[in-house]
Protein backbone atom coordinates (compact mmCIF):
# COMPACT_ATOMS: atom_id res chain seq x y z
CA MET A 1 -3.21 -128.49 -192.95
CA PRO A 2 -1.73 -125.26 -194.29
CA THR A 3 1.88 -124.17 -194.13
CA TYR A 4 2.41 -120.72 -192.62
CA ASP A 5 5.39 -118.40 -193.15
CA TYR A 6 6.88 -116.77 -190.04
CA THR A 7 9.52 -114.03 -189.71
CA CYS A 8 11.30 -113.01 -186.52
CA GLU A 9 11.20 -109.24 -186.07
CA LYS A 10 14.37 -109.33 -183.95
CA CYS A 11 16.84 -111.53 -185.89
CA HIS A 12 14.92 -111.66 -189.24
CA HIS A 13 14.94 -115.48 -189.24
CA VAL A 14 12.41 -116.84 -191.76
CA MET A 15 10.70 -120.21 -191.25
CA GLU A 16 7.66 -122.24 -192.23
CA ALA A 17 5.31 -124.07 -189.87
CA PHE A 18 2.87 -126.84 -190.79
CA GLN A 19 -0.13 -126.15 -188.53
CA LYS A 20 -3.84 -126.75 -188.19
CA ILE A 21 -6.01 -123.72 -188.96
CA THR A 22 -7.27 -123.82 -185.36
CA ASP A 23 -3.72 -123.72 -183.86
CA GLY A 24 -2.61 -120.39 -182.41
CA GLN A 25 0.20 -118.35 -183.92
CA LEU A 26 3.75 -119.21 -182.97
CA THR A 27 5.55 -116.46 -181.06
CA SER A 28 8.94 -117.84 -179.98
CA CYS A 29 11.79 -117.72 -182.54
CA PRO A 30 13.71 -121.04 -182.66
CA LYS A 31 16.94 -119.22 -183.60
CA CYS A 32 17.20 -116.33 -181.09
CA LYS A 33 14.48 -117.49 -178.63
CA ALA A 34 12.86 -114.02 -178.66
CA GLU A 35 9.06 -113.68 -178.53
CA ALA A 36 9.07 -111.81 -181.85
CA LEU A 37 7.66 -114.17 -184.53
CA LYS A 38 5.04 -112.70 -186.85
CA ARG A 39 2.97 -114.75 -189.27
CA GLY A 40 3.15 -113.55 -192.87
CA ILE A 41 0.23 -112.78 -195.16
CA GLY A 42 -0.78 -115.52 -197.59
CA GLY A 43 -0.42 -118.71 -195.62
CA GLY A 44 2.36 -120.54 -197.49
CA ASN A 45 1.76 -123.38 -199.92
CA ALA A 46 -1.77 -123.40 -201.36
CA THR A 47 -1.33 -126.44 -203.62
CA PHE A 48 -4.14 -129.01 -203.54
CA GLN A 49 -3.49 -132.36 -205.21
CA PHE A 50 -5.49 -135.56 -205.62
CA LYS A 51 -3.12 -138.46 -204.92
CA GLY A 52 -3.98 -142.12 -204.47
CA SER A 53 -7.35 -143.77 -204.81
CA GLY A 54 -10.74 -142.74 -203.50
CA PHE A 55 -11.20 -139.49 -205.40
CA TYR A 56 -13.59 -138.78 -208.26
CA GLN A 57 -10.67 -137.64 -210.40
CA THR A 58 -8.80 -140.94 -210.04
CA ASP A 59 -11.51 -143.56 -209.50
CA TYR A 60 -14.96 -142.58 -210.71
CA LYS A 61 -14.33 -140.39 -213.72
CA ALA A 62 -15.44 -142.05 -216.96
CA PRO A 63 -12.47 -143.13 -219.11
CA LYS A 64 -11.95 -141.23 -222.34
CA GLU A 65 -13.52 -143.00 -225.27
CA GLN A 66 -10.90 -144.30 -227.68
CA PRO A 67 -11.45 -143.56 -231.38
CA PRO A 68 -12.23 -146.66 -233.48
CA THR A 69 -9.29 -148.31 -235.23
CA CYS A 70 -8.98 -150.54 -238.29
CA ALA A 71 -10.63 -153.90 -237.58
CA GLY A 72 -8.03 -156.64 -237.23
CA CYS A 73 -5.16 -154.27 -238.13
CA PRO A 74 -2.35 -153.46 -235.67
CA CYS A 75 -1.73 -150.01 -237.21
CA GLY A 76 -3.95 -148.19 -234.68
CA LYS A 77 -5.06 -145.60 -237.25
CA LYS A 78 -8.59 -144.43 -237.99
CA PRO A 79 -10.70 -146.82 -240.09
CA GLY A 80 -9.93 -146.55 -243.80
CA SER A 81 -6.68 -144.59 -243.34
CA CYS A 82 -4.20 -147.46 -243.62
CA GLU A 83 -3.24 -149.44 -246.73
CA SER A 84 -3.89 -153.00 -245.44
């Protein structure tokens, strides 16, 4: 659900409302109780994040292939680049 910005045209109170897209606009100002709220252009926070499990980004994406390291050596460097 998007967050919408509202401004009261009477007292200039600014607020945000977390609403469904299908919900109607709010009209009553919670501060002065006037029927003067107007929804701003833009629609508030447009951030979209993948959190938790069940998303391609977190569950089904192939893991990055690790470069080969020296066999039997704990150095973690590329093969042939350590002195052991």
